[in-house]
Amino acid sequence: MKTIEIPASTPYTVHIQQGCLPHLGQHLSQLTAPCTAAVISDENVFPRCGETVCASLQEAGFYVLTYVLPAGEASKNLASYGKVMEFLAENHLRRSDVLIALGGGVIGDLTGFAAATYLRGIPYVQVPTTLLAAVDSSVGGKTAVDLAVGKNLVGAFWQPSLVWCDPDVLATLPDAIFRDGCAEVIKYGLLGDAAFFHQLGCHPVSEHLEEVIARCVIMKRDIVTEDERDRGVRQLLNLGHTFGHAVEECSGYTLSHGHCVAIGMAIITRAAAELGYCAAADVDAVEQLLESYHLPTASPYSLSQLECAALSDKKIFGSTIHLVVPESVGHCRLVAVPATELRRWLAAGGVQ
């Protein structure tokens, strides 16, 4: 088993091992006395993994409750959050109890926010069931739900007590969902590890899942440890996300997060080359790697549409936004850009 310690304000451990899902309850019982464990999942994940997780918890002495949401980004909203909170209250959960986020990024974000705010904070465990959640959203303590005007506008920083990652669970993911995670993996290589980036072109992610997940988690750990509250260097993790979120919003969240991040990375890299921050060869490398994983590199929406959506991004401070701009493969920097300049950057990135 690969174990990665996260020395955040509330320290915890990420465990990564094929076949570890049935042992969740046994391990959790070493961290907390038997209590009520409320498993929050969705209608796609629970039929595949729910029975295993619930049985594991029950065998370890936990009293198990379950709440299953409709799958998809449409469930990551205040209405679903309110229903989860009512469920917890109706079942009399206490601060000594625990929530289990069994799912991808939507379930992890929503359950984490519920944990952060129910009774002013109770423990929760991340059990990521998508590659994207395993390499990114399950680690770092960002929790949130969406509003109609934008993603993740209501949330809190609340670290999990444990992240329990079984790569075997990823074997049944639809190809498109797996590729979402590949986009985030590529992001980590472009952001800070050129050797890892180029390795992804030679050895597909699916061939060495444990190693890939661990490498991404370690990179995120190092950044989050330095800037847990997202005031500085942690903003680098938004590589591809400003324009990616804009694409996602324009689609009404019908385009998946990872595919939109891929588009966002391609746009910002093209813009970086056009504006003199990186070489044209870096654009070729990024586009070729994304395309090798069957990820999109062009926006289906217009310049005006993306500009309007990007202006609602929560990362705009006053009249300025910090874009994560590649200077080369494996090295990026934060560039403070006036919000009025977003249109110029989008155009430089090939958006028409």
Protein backbone atom coordinates (compact mmCIF):
# COMPACT_ATOMS: atom_id res chain seq x y z
CA MET A 1 0.00 0.00 0.00
CA LYS A 2 1.21 3.50 -0.87
CA THR A 3 0.61 5.90 2.01
CA ILE A 4 1.04 9.65 1.67
CA GLU A 5 0.88 11.87 4.73
CA ILE A 6 -0.84 15.23 4.25
CA PRO A 7 0.43 17.63 6.95
CA ALA A 8 -2.50 20.05 6.70
CA SER A 9 -4.11 21.94 9.59
CA THR A 10 -5.86 18.62 10.26
CA PRO A 11 -3.30 15.98 9.21
CA TYR A 12 -4.50 12.86 7.43
CA THR A 13 -3.24 10.04 5.25
CA VAL A 14 -4.01 9.07 1.66
CA HIS A 15 -3.93 5.29 1.19
CA ILE A 16 -3.64 3.92 -2.34
CA GLN A 17 -3.79 0.18 -2.98
CA GLN A 18 -5.53 -2.10 -5.43
CA GLY A 19 -8.14 -4.18 -3.64
CA CYS A 20 -8.27 -2.06 -0.47
CA LEU A 21 -11.96 -1.07 -0.66
CA PRO A 22 -13.24 -4.01 1.47
CA HIS A 23 -10.83 -3.03 4.25
CA LEU A 24 -12.09 0.53 4.73
CA GLY A 25 -14.08 -0.26 7.88
CA GLN A 26 -11.19 -2.08 9.54
CA HIS A 27 -8.87 0.87 8.99
CA LEU A 28 -11.43 3.51 9.95
CA SER A 29 -12.06 1.70 13.24
CA GLN A 30 -8.41 2.42 14.11
CA LEU A 31 -9.06 6.15 13.73
CA THR A 32 -12.43 6.47 15.47
CA ALA A 33 -14.59 4.47 17.83
CA PRO A 34 -17.57 2.69 16.25
CA CYS A 35 -20.25 5.26 15.50
CA THR A 36 -22.78 6.11 12.82
CA ALA A 37 -21.26 6.24 9.34
CA ALA A 38 -23.42 7.94 6.74
CA VAL A 39 -22.41 6.88 3.22
CA ILE A 40 -23.23 9.56 0.64
CA SER A 41 -23.04 8.33 -2.95
CA ASP A 42 -24.76 8.56 -6.32
CA GLU A 43 -26.96 6.28 -8.40
CA ASN A 44 -24.08 5.24 -10.67
CA VAL A 45 -21.49 4.49 -8.01
CA PHE A 46 -23.55 2.98 -5.22
CA PRO A 47 -24.70 -0.10 -7.16
CA ARG A 48 -21.04 -0.86 -8.00
CA CYS A 49 -19.34 -0.13 -4.68
CA GLY A 50 -21.95 0.56 -2.04
CA GLU A 51 -22.49 -2.98 -0.82
CA THR A 52 -18.75 -3.55 -0.37
CA VAL A 53 -18.27 -0.31 1.56
CA CYS A 54 -21.34 -0.77 3.76
CA ALA A 55 -20.45 -4.38 4.59
CA SER A 56 -16.91 -3.33 5.47
CA LEU A 57 -18.16 -0.64 7.83
CA GLN A 58 -20.76 -2.89 9.44
CA GLU A 59 -18.24 -5.66 10.03
CA ALA A 60 -16.03 -3.13 11.82
CA GLY A 61 -18.85 -2.17 14.18
CA PHE A 62 -20.23 0.97 12.50
CA TYR A 63 -23.95 1.66 12.20
CA VAL A 64 -24.40 2.48 8.52
CA LEU A 65 -26.83 4.86 6.85
CA THR A 66 -26.92 5.58 3.12
CA TYR A 67 -28.06 8.51 1.00
CA VAL A 68 -27.92 8.18 -2.79
CA LEU A 69 -28.12 11.21 -5.09
CA PRO A 70 -28.73 11.43 -8.83
CA ALA A 71 -25.42 11.25 -10.68
CA GLY A 72 -23.83 14.28 -12.31
CA GLU A 73 -22.91 17.92 -11.78
CA ALA A 74 -26.60 18.85 -11.61
CA SER A 75 -26.68 17.34 -8.09
CA LYS A 76 -23.91 19.61 -6.84
CA ASN A 77 -26.17 22.44 -5.75
CA LEU A 78 -27.80 24.00 -2.71
CA ALA A 79 -30.95 21.93 -3.10
CA SER A 80 -29.06 18.62 -2.91
CA TYR A 81 -26.91 19.98 -0.10
CA GLY A 82 -30.05 20.88 1.83
CA LYS A 83 -31.49 17.40 1.36
CA VAL A 84 -28.30 15.81 2.66
CA MET A 85 -28.33 18.12 5.69
CA GLU A 86 -31.96 17.24 6.45
CA PHE A 87 -31.10 13.55 6.14
CA LEU A 88 -28.26 13.90 8.65
CA ALA A 89 -30.44 15.85 11.08
CA GLU A 90 -33.40 13.48 10.78
CA ASN A 91 -31.09 10.58 11.63
CA HIS A 92 -29.61 12.45 14.60
CA LEU A 93 -25.97 12.35 13.55
CA ARG A 94 -23.58 13.83 16.09
CA ARG A 95 -20.13 15.35 15.89
CA SER A 96 -18.70 11.99 16.92
CA ASP A 97 -20.15 10.40 13.75
CA VAL A 98 -18.61 10.34 10.27
CA LEU A 99 -19.63 10.89 6.66
CA ILE A 100 -18.28 8.71 3.85
CA ALA A 101 -18.01 10.38 0.43
CA LEU A 102 -18.27 7.43 -1.96
CA GLY A 103 -18.01 8.79 -5.49
CA GLY A 104 -16.30 11.21 -7.81
CA GLY A 105 -15.67 14.91 -7.48
CA VAL A 106 -19.33 15.92 -7.23
CA ILE A 107 -20.02 13.60 -4.30
CA GLY A 108 -16.69 14.42 -2.66
CA ASP A 109 -17.23 18.17 -2.88
CA LEU A 110 -20.85 18.07 -1.74
CA THR A 111 -20.25 15.60 1.12
CA GLY A 112 -17.22 17.56 2.26
CA PHE A 113 -19.24 20.78 2.37
CA ALA A 114 -21.98 19.01 4.33
CA ALA A 115 -19.35 17.73 6.77
CA ALA A 116 -17.84 21.20 7.11
CA THR A 117 -21.16 22.82 8.00
CA TYR A 118 -23.34 20.20 9.71
CA LEU A 119 -23.14 20.90 13.46
CA ARG A 120 -20.33 23.33 12.48
CA GLY A 121 -18.14 20.46 11.39
CA ILE A 122 -17.97 16.66 11.61
CA PRO A 123 -15.37 14.20 10.24
CA TYR A 124 -15.59 12.78 6.76
CA VAL A 125 -13.72 10.26 4.64
CA GLN A 126 -13.03 10.54 0.92
CA VAL A 127 -13.41 7.29 -1.04
CA PRO A 128 -12.76 8.44 -4.63
CA THR A 129 -14.26 6.29 -7.37
CA THR A 130 -13.05 8.27 -10.40
CA LEU A 131 -9.51 8.97 -11.55
CA LEU A 132 -10.16 12.71 -11.39
CA ALA A 133 -11.23 12.49 -7.75
CA ALA A 134 -8.34 10.18 -6.89
CA VAL A 135 -5.62 12.44 -8.29
CA ASP A 136 -7.13 15.80 -7.41
CA SER A 137 -10.43 16.64 -5.75
CA SER A 138 -10.30 14.12 -2.87
CA VAL A 139 -7.13 15.75 -1.51
CA GLY A 140 -6.67 19.26 -0.21
CA GLY A 141 -9.86 20.05 1.69
CA LYS A 142 -11.70 22.20 -0.85
CA THR A 143 -15.44 21.55 -0.56
CA ALA A 144 -18.21 23.33 -2.43
CA VAL A 145 -21.46 23.36 -4.35
CA ASP A 146 -22.40 25.31 -7.46
CA LEU A 147 -24.71 28.26 -7.96
CA ALA A 148 -26.59 29.03 -11.16
CA VAL A 149 -24.05 31.75 -12.00
CA GLY A 150 -20.92 29.63 -11.51
CA LYS A 151 -19.08 26.61 -10.12
CA ASN A 152 -17.98 26.18 -6.51
CA LEU A 153 -19.21 29.58 -5.37
CA VAL A 154 -20.43 28.27 -1.99
CA GLY A 155 -17.99 26.18 -0.01
CA ALA A 156 -15.50 25.79 2.80
CA PHE A 157 -12.02 24.50 3.49
CA TRP A 158 -12.49 21.26 5.45
CA GLN A 159 -9.88 18.53 5.40
CA PRO A 160 -10.96 14.87 5.33
CA SER A 161 -9.92 12.51 8.10
CA LEU A 162 -8.82 9.89 5.57
CA VAL A 163 -8.59 9.30 1.83
CA TRP A 164 -9.05 5.64 0.86
CA CYS A 165 -8.27 4.99 -2.81
CA ASP A 166 -8.69 1.61 -4.51
CA PRO A 167 -7.55 1.80 -8.18
CA ASP A 168 -9.47 -1.41 -8.91
CA VAL A 169 -12.66 0.65 -8.68
CA LEU A 170 -11.54 2.64 -11.71
CA ALA A 171 -11.53 -0.43 -13.96
CA THR A 172 -15.28 -0.15 -14.56
CA LEU A 173 -15.31 3.56 -15.40
CA PRO A 174 -16.69 4.54 -18.81
CA ASP A 175 -13.88 5.66 -21.11
CA ALA A 176 -15.05 9.27 -21.16
CA ILE A 177 -15.01 9.49 -17.34
CA PHE A 178 -11.57 7.92 -17.18
CA ARG A 179 -10.30 10.46 -19.71
CA ASP A 180 -11.59 13.24 -17.46
CA GLY A 181 -9.08 12.08 -14.89
CA CYS A 182 -6.35 11.85 -17.50
CA ALA A 183 -6.80 15.57 -18.16
CA GLU A 184 -6.04 16.33 -14.52
CA VAL A 185 -3.05 13.98 -14.61
CA ILE A 186 -1.69 15.81 -17.65
CA LYS A 187 -2.27 19.07 -15.77
CA TYR A 188 0.13 17.97 -13.04
CA GLY A 189 2.83 17.12 -15.56
CA LEU A 190 2.46 20.42 -17.40
CA LEU A 191 2.39 22.29 -14.11
CA GLY A 192 5.49 20.93 -12.44
CA ASP A 193 7.06 17.72 -13.75
CA ALA A 194 8.30 17.60 -17.35
CA ALA A 195 9.60 14.04 -17.00
CA PHE A 196 6.19 12.87 -15.75
CA PHE A 197 4.49 14.77 -18.61
CA HIS A 198 6.61 13.06 -21.26
CA GLN A 199 6.22 9.68 -19.55
CA LEU A 200 2.46 9.98 -20.03
CA GLY A 201 3.03 10.03 -23.77
CA CYS A 202 5.03 6.80 -23.69
CA HIS A 203 3.18 4.86 -20.99
CA PRO A 204 -0.60 5.24 -20.78
CA VAL A 205 -2.04 6.18 -17.40
CA SER A 206 -4.01 2.92 -17.25
CA GLU A 207 -0.81 0.87 -17.24
CA HIS A 208 0.51 2.27 -13.93
CA LEU A 209 -2.44 3.66 -12.01
CA GLU A 210 -1.06 3.45 -8.47
CA GLU A 211 2.14 5.25 -9.44
CA VAL A 212 0.27 7.95 -11.39
CA ILE A 213 -2.20 8.60 -8.57
CA ALA A 214 0.57 8.73 -5.98
CA ARG A 215 2.68 11.14 -8.06
CA CYS A 216 -0.24 13.55 -8.50
CA VAL A 217 -1.20 13.36 -4.81
CA ILE A 218 2.40 14.08 -3.76
CA MET A 219 2.52 17.12 -6.04
CA LYS A 220 -0.76 18.40 -4.67
CA ARG A 221 0.35 17.69 -1.09
CA ASP A 222 3.47 19.80 -1.55
CA ILE A 223 1.47 22.74 -2.90
CA VAL A 224 -1.39 22.51 -0.39
CA THR A 225 1.03 22.21 2.53
CA GLU A 226 2.59 25.52 1.50
CA ASP A 227 -0.73 27.29 0.87
CA GLU A 228 -3.70 25.47 2.40
CA ARG A 229 -6.11 28.40 2.11
CA ASP A 230 -5.50 29.13 -1.57
CA ARG A 231 -3.97 32.58 -1.16
CA GLY A 232 -0.86 32.09 -3.26
CA VAL A 233 0.95 29.11 -4.76
CA ARG A 234 -2.10 26.82 -4.51
CA GLN A 235 -3.67 28.88 -7.27
CA LEU A 236 -1.24 27.11 -9.62
CA LEU A 237 -3.51 24.07 -9.34
CA ASN A 238 -6.06 26.07 -11.36
CA LEU A 239 -4.04 25.49 -14.53
CA GLY A 240 -6.59 25.21 -17.34
CA HIS A 241 -9.49 25.81 -14.98
CA THR A 242 -10.35 29.48 -15.55
CA PHE A 243 -11.14 28.94 -19.21
CA GLY A 244 -12.18 25.32 -18.60
CA HIS A 245 -14.82 26.40 -16.08
CA ALA A 246 -16.05 28.96 -18.60
CA VAL A 247 -16.51 26.22 -21.21
CA GLU A 248 -18.24 24.05 -18.62
CA GLU A 249 -20.63 26.85 -17.67
CA CYS A 250 -21.43 27.66 -21.30
CA SER A 251 -22.35 24.01 -21.84
CA GLY A 252 -24.80 24.08 -18.95
CA TYR A 253 -22.53 21.45 -17.38
CA THR A 254 -23.31 18.98 -20.15
CA LEU A 255 -19.58 18.85 -20.97
CA SER A 256 -17.59 17.05 -18.29
CA HIS A 257 -15.12 18.83 -16.04
CA GLY A 258 -12.01 16.99 -17.23
CA HIS A 259 -12.76 17.54 -20.90
CA CYS A 260 -13.31 21.24 -20.20
CA VAL A 261 -10.02 21.46 -18.29
CA ALA A 262 -8.30 19.92 -21.32
CA ILE A 263 -9.76 22.66 -23.50
CA GLY A 264 -8.72 25.25 -20.93
CA MET A 265 -5.14 23.97 -20.85
CA ALA A 266 -4.91 24.07 -24.63
CA ILE A 267 -6.30 27.62 -24.75
CA ILE A 268 -3.95 28.99 -22.08
CA THR A 269 -0.90 27.28 -23.62
CA ARG A 270 -1.69 28.68 -27.06
CA ALA A 271 -2.20 32.11 -25.50
CA ALA A 272 1.09 31.81 -23.62
CA ALA A 273 2.95 31.10 -26.85
CA GLU A 274 1.17 33.87 -28.73
CA LEU A 275 1.96 36.39 -25.98
CA GLY A 276 5.58 35.35 -25.59
CA TYR A 277 5.55 33.31 -22.37
CA CYS A 278 6.43 29.92 -23.90
CA ALA A 279 7.59 28.36 -27.15
CA ALA A 280 5.38 27.09 -29.97
CA ALA A 281 6.90 23.64 -29.38
CA ASP A 282 5.24 23.57 -25.96
CA VAL A 283 1.86 24.13 -27.59
CA ASP A 284 2.50 21.21 -29.91
CA ALA A 285 3.51 18.99 -26.98
CA VAL A 286 0.41 19.86 -24.96
CA GLU A 287 -2.02 19.46 -27.84
CA GLN A 288 -0.46 16.19 -28.96
CA LEU A 289 -0.60 14.68 -25.48
CA LEU A 290 -4.20 15.75 -24.92
CA GLU A 291 -5.21 14.39 -28.30
CA SER A 292 -3.41 11.10 -27.62
CA TYR A 293 -5.82 10.65 -24.70
CA HIS A 294 -8.75 11.59 -26.96
CA LEU A 295 -9.30 14.86 -25.12
CA PRO A 296 -10.56 18.02 -26.87
CA THR A 297 -8.36 21.07 -27.45
CA ALA A 298 -10.77 23.57 -29.02
CA SER A 299 -13.69 25.45 -27.51
CA PRO A 300 -17.13 24.84 -29.03
CA TYR A 301 -18.19 28.28 -27.76
CA SER A 302 -17.47 31.76 -29.02
CA LEU A 303 -15.12 34.38 -27.70
CA SER A 304 -17.98 36.47 -26.32
CA GLN A 305 -19.62 33.48 -24.64
CA LEU A 306 -16.42 32.40 -22.90
CA GLU A 307 -15.53 35.94 -21.86
CA CYS A 308 -18.92 36.41 -20.23
CA ALA A 309 -18.65 33.08 -18.37
CA ALA A 310 -15.04 33.67 -17.29
CA LEU A 311 -15.95 37.02 -15.74
CA SER A 312 -18.08 35.18 -13.14
CA ASP A 313 -15.09 33.10 -12.01
CA LYS A 314 -14.65 33.14 -8.22
CA LYS A 315 -10.89 33.61 -8.67
CA ILE A 316 -11.35 37.22 -9.79
CA PHE A 317 -10.20 39.52 -6.98
CA GLY A 318 -11.53 43.01 -7.50
CA SER A 319 -10.73 43.68 -11.13
CA THR A 320 -7.84 41.20 -11.42
CA ILE A 321 -7.56 37.49 -12.09
CA HIS A 322 -4.46 35.34 -11.73
CA LEU A 323 -4.04 33.10 -14.76
CA VAL A 324 -1.78 30.06 -14.56
CA VAL A 325 0.46 30.49 -17.57
CA PRO A 326 2.88 27.82 -18.90
CA GLU A 327 6.45 29.02 -19.46
CA SER A 328 7.54 25.55 -20.54
CA VAL A 329 6.38 21.98 -20.05
CA GLY A 330 6.84 21.38 -16.32
CA HIS A 331 6.95 25.03 -15.30
CA CYS A 332 4.11 27.54 -14.93
CA ARG A 333 3.70 30.91 -13.28
CA LEU A 334 0.86 33.03 -11.96
CA VAL A 335 0.22 36.13 -14.06
CA ALA A 336 -2.02 38.89 -12.71
CA VAL A 337 -4.30 39.94 -15.56
CA PRO A 338 -6.92 42.70 -15.49
CA ALA A 339 -10.35 41.17 -16.01
CA THR A 340 -10.74 43.48 -19.00
CA GLU A 341 -7.84 41.60 -20.65
CA LEU A 342 -9.52 38.16 -20.53
CA ARG A 343 -10.91 38.65 -24.03
CA ARG A 344 -7.39 39.29 -25.39
CA TRP A 345 -6.07 36.13 -23.72
CA LEU A 346 -8.94 34.03 -25.06
CA ALA A 347 -8.39 35.37 -28.55
CA ALA A 348 -4.65 34.68 -28.28
CA GLY A 349 -5.61 31.14 -27.28
CA GLY A 350 -7.43 30.59 -30.55
CA VAL A 351 -11.00 31.28 -29.43
CA GLN A 352 -12.99 33.12 -32.09
